[in-house]
Amino acid sequence: MMTLATQVLAVNDDLPIRTDLPVHSGKVRSVYWLTAADSERLIREKNYPVAPDTPLAIMVISDRISAFDCIWHGENGLNGVPGKGAALNAISNHWFALFKQHGLADSHILDIPHPLVWIVQKARPLKIEAIARQYITGSMWRAYSKGEREFCGITLPEGLQKDQKLPEILITPSTKGILTGLAGVPEADDVNISRTDIERHSAAFGFEQLSDISLYETLLKQGFGVISDALAALDQMFVDTKFEFGYVKDAQGQSKLIYMDEVGTPDSSRIWDGASWRNGSIVEQSKEGFRQWLLSNFPDPDILLNKDRMPERAALARDNALPTEVMMDISRTYLGIAEKVTGRKIELATNPKAEIIEVLGRDYGLIAE
């Protein structure tokens, strides 16, 4: 019997994809590293524009929902949000195609066998969460309202109001993972850093050369601009976003900086409805709406905001099955913005796991016998 729960791909690290290495399972995606033989064969058969010895991976997105560094679940076995994975991938695929049209850098995606699956080339990620902001809101507003004026080495002017447009797009990077022994950089994940910090420790952050720091900023601003303009045409506001970058080798073996992971999605960005904003209210077209719901529905929101209370937070996420209506509300938000962005209906798989196994076996020869 098909139920909401069976439509959702909640567990995505148990597919019978042929691999020699452990499956890497992140908050939302799982990564299966292909064997050298399979990587080489697919590069040859599918004519991927990479060097013949490039390692490839299969990335499978799930419908899990994470917020405040925890995975949340609904009642009646609903362990994810229907359509969320398909919506995220469809939006990213759309923006990456638009980047290509505009002559921006490449992404690590080589092929899209199924709406929940990417075939990617191995990239070496920069250890930076590249964040760009066009409006003052969220953590930046909370700090500004308490009197802070300097963010990541940038000084903001006096007199800014909550949710207003900033004088220019601000780049406010933070650390990705814990880096140790870097003067001036706290040994913690996700702490704000300045351009000076990055220049001083460029190799530790993964840059191959100093000039690539300017290149990453250019790519961040270009990508932000392309998405912002396209959303503005739909009367949606691109408020802030997080990009990730990494190095790959091209077909000639030359190193190049590319976009990685997802771009401009409701998971990695805040997107607001333009008409509502002009009327003085914020309608979130992103995960931020869910985050706000969590903050207003648990008696002690400090558990969700205070990193020192992680054990209590993990227990909240584990012990509370959220109402189906809340999960479906997130589903409507994600599918709604995905359909707006792509201009087409997002079709949901009835049995996503079976579909993925079939296509990877039939068209790619990647299912272990």
Protein backbone atom coordinates (compact mmCIF):
# COMPACT_ATOMS: atom_id res chain seq x y z
CA MET A 1 0.00 0.00 0.00
CA MET A 2 1.32 3.41 -0.93
CA THR A 3 1.35 5.93 1.91
CA LEU A 4 3.04 9.27 2.38
CA ALA A 5 5.78 7.47 4.32
CA THR A 6 6.58 5.09 1.43
CA GLN A 7 6.90 8.02 -1.00
CA VAL A 8 9.61 9.54 1.14
CA LEU A 9 13.26 8.57 0.71
CA ALA A 10 14.46 8.87 4.31
CA VAL A 11 17.29 6.30 4.31
CA ASN A 12 19.61 6.76 1.34
CA ASP A 13 22.85 5.05 2.42
CA ASP A 14 21.72 1.43 1.92
CA LEU A 15 21.41 1.23 -1.88
CA PRO A 16 23.17 -1.74 -3.55
CA ILE A 17 25.52 0.51 -5.56
CA ARG A 18 28.87 -1.14 -6.27
CA THR A 19 31.56 0.55 -4.18
CA ASP A 20 34.80 -0.39 -2.37
CA LEU A 21 34.52 2.38 0.21
CA PRO A 22 32.12 3.08 3.09
CA VAL A 23 29.12 5.19 2.06
CA HIS A 24 29.45 8.75 3.33
CA SER A 25 26.10 9.89 4.71
CA GLY A 26 25.59 13.60 5.33
CA LYS A 27 22.55 15.38 6.77
CA VAL A 28 20.67 15.13 3.48
CA ARG A 29 22.85 13.44 0.82
CA SER A 30 24.73 10.14 0.74
CA VAL A 31 27.85 9.67 -1.40
CA TYR A 32 28.86 6.37 -2.96
CA TRP A 33 32.42 6.38 -4.35
CA LEU A 34 32.57 4.26 -7.51
CA THR A 35 35.36 1.76 -8.09
CA ALA A 36 38.22 2.95 -10.33
CA ALA A 37 37.04 0.47 -13.01
CA ASP A 38 33.46 1.78 -12.95
CA SER A 39 34.61 5.42 -12.95
CA GLU A 40 36.87 4.82 -15.95
CA ARG A 41 34.17 2.85 -17.81
CA LEU A 42 31.49 5.52 -17.32
CA ILE A 43 33.83 8.36 -18.34
CA ARG A 44 34.50 6.42 -21.55
CA GLU A 45 30.92 5.26 -22.22
CA LYS A 46 29.19 8.54 -21.35
CA ASN A 47 31.93 10.81 -22.69
CA TYR A 48 32.15 12.87 -19.49
CA PRO A 49 34.47 15.90 -19.97
CA VAL A 50 37.00 14.83 -17.34
CA ALA A 51 40.42 13.14 -17.26
CA PRO A 52 40.11 9.32 -17.76
CA ASP A 53 41.37 8.55 -14.22
CA THR A 54 38.95 10.92 -12.43
CA PRO A 55 37.20 9.32 -9.43
CA LEU A 56 33.40 9.53 -9.72
CA ALA A 57 30.69 9.26 -7.09
CA ILE A 58 26.94 8.77 -7.00
CA MET A 59 25.18 11.35 -4.81
CA VAL A 60 21.72 10.36 -3.65
CA ILE A 61 19.61 13.04 -2.02
CA SER A 62 17.07 12.10 0.65
CA ASP A 63 13.86 13.76 1.81
CA ARG A 64 15.22 14.18 5.35
CA ILE A 65 14.81 17.58 6.95
CA SER A 66 17.55 18.99 9.13
CA ALA A 67 17.36 22.19 11.14
CA PHE A 68 19.57 23.44 13.96
CA ASP A 69 21.99 20.57 13.15
CA CYS A 70 19.39 17.88 13.91
CA ILE A 71 17.26 15.62 11.72
CA TRP A 72 13.51 15.96 12.44
CA HIS A 73 10.71 13.46 11.78
CA GLY A 74 6.91 13.43 11.58
CA GLU A 75 4.21 11.23 13.03
CA ASN A 76 3.04 7.98 11.37
CA GLY A 77 6.52 7.01 10.22
CA LEU A 78 6.95 10.13 8.08
CA ASN A 79 10.74 10.37 8.33
CA GLY A 80 11.13 13.04 5.69
CA VAL A 81 9.30 15.69 3.68
CA PRO A 82 7.50 14.45 0.54
CA GLY A 83 9.12 15.91 -2.57
CA LYS A 84 11.87 17.77 -0.70
CA GLY A 85 14.82 15.94 -2.32
CA ALA A 86 13.37 16.20 -5.82
CA ALA A 87 12.65 19.91 -5.27
CA LEU A 88 16.20 20.66 -4.04
CA ASN A 89 17.85 18.82 -6.93
CA ALA A 90 15.51 20.38 -9.52
CA ILE A 91 16.31 23.89 -8.25
CA SER A 92 20.08 23.26 -8.18
CA ASN A 93 19.99 21.68 -11.66
CA HIS A 94 18.10 24.72 -12.95
CA TRP A 95 20.57 27.23 -11.49
CA PHE A 96 23.62 25.26 -12.68
CA ALA A 97 22.17 25.24 -16.23
CA LEU A 98 21.64 29.01 -15.96
CA PHE A 99 25.23 29.48 -14.71
CA LYS A 100 26.42 27.61 -17.82
CA GLN A 101 24.34 29.87 -20.08
CA HIS A 102 25.97 32.88 -18.44
CA GLY A 103 29.47 31.45 -18.83
CA LEU A 104 30.07 31.04 -15.08
CA ALA A 105 32.26 28.29 -13.58
CA ASP A 106 31.25 24.64 -13.85
CA SER A 107 29.75 22.48 -11.11
CA HIS A 108 30.87 19.00 -10.02
CA ILE A 109 27.74 17.39 -11.56
CA LEU A 110 28.42 15.32 -14.68
CA ASP A 111 25.08 13.53 -15.11
CA ILE A 112 21.54 13.34 -13.67
CA PRO A 113 20.28 9.73 -13.98
CA HIS A 114 17.21 10.29 -11.76
CA PRO A 115 15.60 13.34 -10.07
CA LEU A 116 17.18 12.28 -6.75
CA VAL A 117 20.61 11.30 -8.13
CA TRP A 118 23.72 13.09 -9.37
CA ILE A 119 26.87 11.57 -10.82
CA VAL A 120 29.69 13.86 -9.72
CA GLN A 121 33.43 14.07 -10.15
CA LYS A 122 35.66 14.10 -7.11
CA ALA A 123 36.33 17.63 -5.92
CA ARG A 124 38.60 18.95 -3.19
CA PRO A 125 36.40 21.31 -1.20
CA LEU A 126 37.47 24.67 0.16
CA LYS A 127 37.10 24.70 3.93
CA ILE A 128 34.87 27.75 3.75
CA GLU A 129 31.12 28.19 3.91
CA ALA A 130 30.83 30.98 1.37
CA ILE A 131 27.88 33.12 2.51
CA ALA A 132 26.52 36.15 0.66
CA ARG A 133 23.82 38.47 2.04
CA GLN A 134 21.66 41.07 0.33
CA TYR A 135 19.35 41.90 3.28
CA ILE A 136 20.01 42.20 7.01
CA THR A 137 18.11 39.48 8.87
CA GLY A 138 18.70 36.34 10.92
CA SER A 139 21.90 36.06 12.96
CA MET A 140 23.35 39.22 11.41
CA TRP A 141 20.32 41.27 12.51
CA ARG A 142 20.36 39.70 16.00
CA ALA A 143 24.01 40.78 16.44
CA TYR A 144 23.45 44.21 14.83
CA SER A 145 20.46 44.93 17.08
CA LYS A 146 22.73 44.25 20.09
CA GLY A 147 25.17 46.91 18.87
CA GLU A 148 27.65 44.87 16.82
CA ARG A 149 28.78 46.69 13.69
CA GLU A 150 31.64 44.54 12.40
CA PHE A 151 30.97 41.28 10.57
CA CYS A 152 33.74 39.20 9.03
CA GLY A 153 35.96 42.31 8.87
CA ILE A 154 33.24 44.48 7.25
CA THR A 155 31.83 47.50 9.13
CA LEU A 156 28.10 48.12 8.68
CA PRO A 157 26.65 51.64 8.79
CA GLU A 158 24.43 52.91 11.64
CA GLY A 159 20.65 53.07 11.30
CA LEU A 160 19.87 49.87 9.43
CA GLN A 161 16.38 48.45 9.99
CA LYS A 162 15.46 44.76 10.32
CA ASP A 163 14.98 42.98 6.96
CA GLN A 164 16.11 45.98 4.89
CA LYS A 165 18.31 45.74 1.80
CA LEU A 166 22.03 46.18 2.50
CA PRO A 167 24.04 48.88 0.67
CA GLU A 168 25.79 46.09 -1.29
CA ILE A 169 26.01 42.30 -1.34
CA LEU A 170 28.10 41.30 1.67
CA ILE A 171 30.36 38.26 1.76
CA THR A 172 30.40 36.85 5.30
CA PRO A 173 32.32 33.55 5.20
CA SER A 174 32.57 31.02 8.01
CA THR A 175 34.67 27.93 8.66
CA LYS A 176 33.60 24.56 7.24
CA GLY A 177 34.79 21.91 9.68
CA ILE A 178 37.16 22.51 12.57
CA LEU A 179 40.55 23.95 11.63
CA THR A 180 43.25 23.83 14.28
CA GLY A 181 46.34 25.94 14.89
CA LEU A 182 45.34 28.97 12.79
CA ALA A 183 46.10 32.27 14.55
CA GLY A 184 42.95 34.36 14.91
CA VAL A 185 40.59 31.56 13.78
CA PRO A 186 38.63 29.84 16.58
CA GLU A 187 38.87 26.03 16.57
CA ALA A 188 35.16 25.49 15.90
CA ASP A 189 32.89 24.63 13.01
CA ASP A 190 30.88 27.43 11.45
CA VAL A 191 32.61 30.47 13.00
CA ASN A 192 32.80 33.78 11.13
CA ILE A 193 36.09 34.62 9.45
CA SER A 194 37.36 37.70 7.62
CA ARG A 195 39.07 38.05 4.27
CA THR A 196 42.28 38.82 6.20
CA ASP A 197 42.00 35.46 8.01
CA ILE A 198 41.57 33.70 4.67
CA GLU A 199 44.55 35.50 3.09
CA ARG A 200 46.74 34.76 6.10
CA HIS A 201 45.87 31.03 6.08
CA SER A 202 44.94 30.55 2.42
CA ALA A 203 46.58 27.10 2.12
CA ALA A 204 44.86 25.83 5.28
CA PHE A 205 41.50 26.89 3.82
CA GLY A 206 42.37 24.90 0.71
CA PHE A 207 43.27 27.62 -1.80
CA GLU A 208 45.86 26.57 -4.39
CA GLN A 209 46.97 30.15 -4.97
CA LEU A 210 46.30 33.55 -3.39
CA SER A 211 44.59 34.92 -6.52
CA ASP A 212 41.91 32.22 -6.13
CA ILE A 213 40.56 34.10 -3.08
CA SER A 214 39.41 36.89 -5.42
CA LEU A 215 38.14 34.27 -7.87
CA TYR A 216 36.00 32.57 -5.22
CA GLU A 217 34.52 35.95 -4.26
CA THR A 218 33.82 36.73 -7.92
CA LEU A 219 32.14 33.35 -8.46
CA LEU A 220 30.08 33.83 -5.30
CA LYS A 221 28.90 37.28 -6.42
CA GLN A 222 28.27 36.17 -10.02
CA GLY A 223 26.28 33.12 -8.94
CA PHE A 224 24.36 35.21 -6.41
CA GLY A 225 23.59 37.82 -9.08
CA VAL A 226 22.32 35.30 -11.66
CA ILE A 227 19.99 33.64 -9.13
CA SER A 228 18.87 36.96 -7.62
CA ASP A 229 17.94 38.39 -11.05
CA ALA A 230 16.07 35.23 -12.08
CA LEU A 231 14.14 35.17 -8.78
CA ALA A 232 13.36 38.91 -9.04
CA ALA A 233 11.71 38.21 -12.41
CA LEU A 234 9.39 35.84 -10.47
CA ASP A 235 8.84 38.51 -7.76
CA GLN A 236 10.87 36.50 -5.26
CA MET A 237 13.70 38.02 -3.23
CA PHE A 238 17.07 36.30 -2.86
CA VAL A 239 17.93 37.32 0.70
CA ASP A 240 21.06 35.34 1.53
CA THR A 241 22.67 32.07 0.54
CA LYS A 242 25.54 29.69 1.15
CA PHE A 243 27.70 28.39 -1.69
CA GLU A 244 30.44 25.78 -1.56
CA PHE A 245 33.46 25.66 -3.83
CA GLY A 246 36.11 23.10 -4.63
CA TYR A 247 38.84 22.19 -7.08
CA VAL A 248 38.49 19.56 -9.80
CA LYS A 249 40.73 18.55 -12.68
CA ASP A 250 39.47 19.08 -16.23
CA ALA A 251 39.94 16.70 -19.18
CA GLN A 252 43.50 18.05 -19.66
CA GLY A 253 44.36 17.48 -15.99
CA GLN A 254 44.30 21.22 -15.18
CA SER A 255 42.97 22.31 -11.80
CA LYS A 256 39.93 24.61 -11.77
CA LEU A 257 37.69 26.13 -9.10
CA ILE A 258 34.03 25.11 -9.42
CA TYR A 259 30.66 25.31 -7.64
CA MET A 260 29.94 22.29 -5.44
CA ASP A 261 26.99 20.76 -3.66
CA GLU A 262 23.71 22.66 -4.13
CA VAL A 263 23.07 26.30 -5.03
CA GLY A 264 20.18 28.68 -4.41
CA THR A 265 17.93 26.10 -2.74
CA PRO A 266 15.45 26.55 0.14
CA ASP A 267 17.94 24.56 2.29
CA SER A 268 20.93 26.80 1.58
CA SER A 269 19.20 30.17 1.15
CA ARG A 270 16.53 32.51 2.42
CA ILE A 271 14.01 33.44 -0.26
CA TRP A 272 11.16 35.87 0.44
CA ASP A 273 7.96 36.54 -1.49
CA GLY A 274 8.23 40.03 -3.03
CA ALA A 275 4.57 41.06 -2.85
CA SER A 276 4.29 40.12 0.86
CA TRP A 277 7.51 42.01 1.70
CA ARG A 278 6.18 45.18 0.04
CA ASN A 279 3.08 44.81 2.24
CA GLY A 280 5.28 44.68 5.32
CA SER A 281 5.26 40.93 6.02
CA ILE A 282 7.83 38.19 5.46
CA VAL A 283 6.69 35.01 3.72
CA GLU A 284 9.55 32.50 3.77
CA GLN A 285 9.98 30.35 0.66
CA SER A 286 12.70 28.33 2.36
CA LYS A 287 13.59 26.19 5.36
CA GLU A 288 13.66 29.35 7.47
CA GLY A 289 9.88 29.04 7.87
CA PHE A 290 10.35 25.61 9.47
CA ARG A 291 13.13 26.93 11.72
CA GLN A 292 10.79 29.71 12.91
CA TRP A 293 8.04 27.14 13.56
CA LEU A 294 10.40 25.09 15.73
CA LEU A 295 11.49 28.20 17.67
CA SER A 296 7.91 29.18 18.41
CA ASN A 297 6.62 25.67 19.22
CA PHE A 298 9.09 24.50 21.85
CA PRO A 299 8.88 26.17 25.28
CA ASP A 300 12.63 26.87 25.51
CA PRO A 301 13.96 28.15 22.15
CA ASP A 302 17.43 28.61 23.71
CA ILE A 303 17.90 24.82 23.37
CA LEU A 304 17.74 25.28 19.58
CA LEU A 305 19.96 28.38 19.48
CA ASN A 306 22.60 27.56 22.07
CA LYS A 307 25.37 25.28 20.80
CA ASP A 308 26.24 24.30 24.39
CA ARG A 309 22.86 22.56 24.71
CA MET A 310 23.33 20.12 21.82
CA PRO A 311 22.44 16.98 23.88
CA GLU A 312 19.07 18.51 24.86
CA ARG A 313 18.50 19.60 21.28
CA ALA A 314 19.26 16.12 19.91
CA ALA A 315 16.76 14.70 22.42
CA LEU A 316 14.07 17.19 21.28
CA ALA A 317 14.50 16.10 17.66
CA ARG A 318 14.55 12.41 18.60
CA ASP A 319 11.58 12.43 20.97
CA ASN A 320 9.15 14.67 19.09
CA ALA A 321 7.25 13.36 16.07
CA LEU A 322 6.06 16.54 14.35
CA PRO A 323 2.47 16.83 13.13
CA THR A 324 1.92 15.59 9.55
CA GLU A 325 0.49 19.01 8.68
CA VAL A 326 3.81 20.67 9.56
CA MET A 327 5.75 18.23 7.34
CA MET A 328 3.25 18.80 4.50
CA ASP A 329 3.53 22.56 4.94
CA ILE A 330 7.30 22.29 4.37
CA SER A 331 6.57 20.05 1.37
CA ARG A 332 4.28 22.71 -0.14
CA THR A 333 6.93 25.41 0.40
CA TYR A 334 9.70 23.37 -1.28
CA LEU A 335 7.59 22.10 -4.18
CA GLY A 336 6.03 25.56 -4.64
CA ILE A 337 9.34 27.40 -5.02
CA ALA A 338 10.82 24.55 -7.13
CA GLU A 339 7.87 24.72 -9.55
CA LYS A 340 8.10 28.52 -9.68
CA VAL A 341 11.85 28.44 -10.39
CA THR A 342 11.81 25.61 -12.96
CA GLY A 343 8.47 26.47 -14.53
CA ARG A 344 7.29 22.86 -14.41
CA LYS A 345 5.55 20.44 -12.08
CA ILE A 346 7.81 18.30 -9.88
CA GLU A 347 6.74 14.68 -10.28
CA LEU A 348 7.10 12.61 -7.12
CA ALA A 349 8.37 9.04 -7.23
CA THR A 350 5.98 6.43 -5.83
CA ASN A 351 8.87 4.16 -4.85
CA PRO A 352 12.05 6.23 -5.13
CA LYS A 353 14.48 3.54 -3.99
CA ALA A 354 13.28 0.96 -6.52
CA GLU A 355 13.39 3.55 -9.33
CA ILE A 356 16.97 4.58 -8.50
CA ILE A 357 18.15 0.96 -8.36
CA GLU A 358 16.50 0.22 -11.70
CA VAL A 359 18.01 3.16 -13.60
CA LEU A 360 21.51 2.77 -12.11
CA GLY A 361 21.44 -0.93 -13.01
CA ARG A 362 19.93 -0.63 -16.49
CA ASP A 363 21.67 2.48 -17.83
CA TYR A 364 24.90 2.62 -15.79
CA GLY A 365 25.72 -0.96 -14.77
CA LEU A 366 26.35 0.13 -11.16
CA ILE A 367 24.17 -2.20 -9.11
CA ALA A 368 26.09 -4.89 -7.24
CA GLU A 369 24.85 -8.39 -8.15
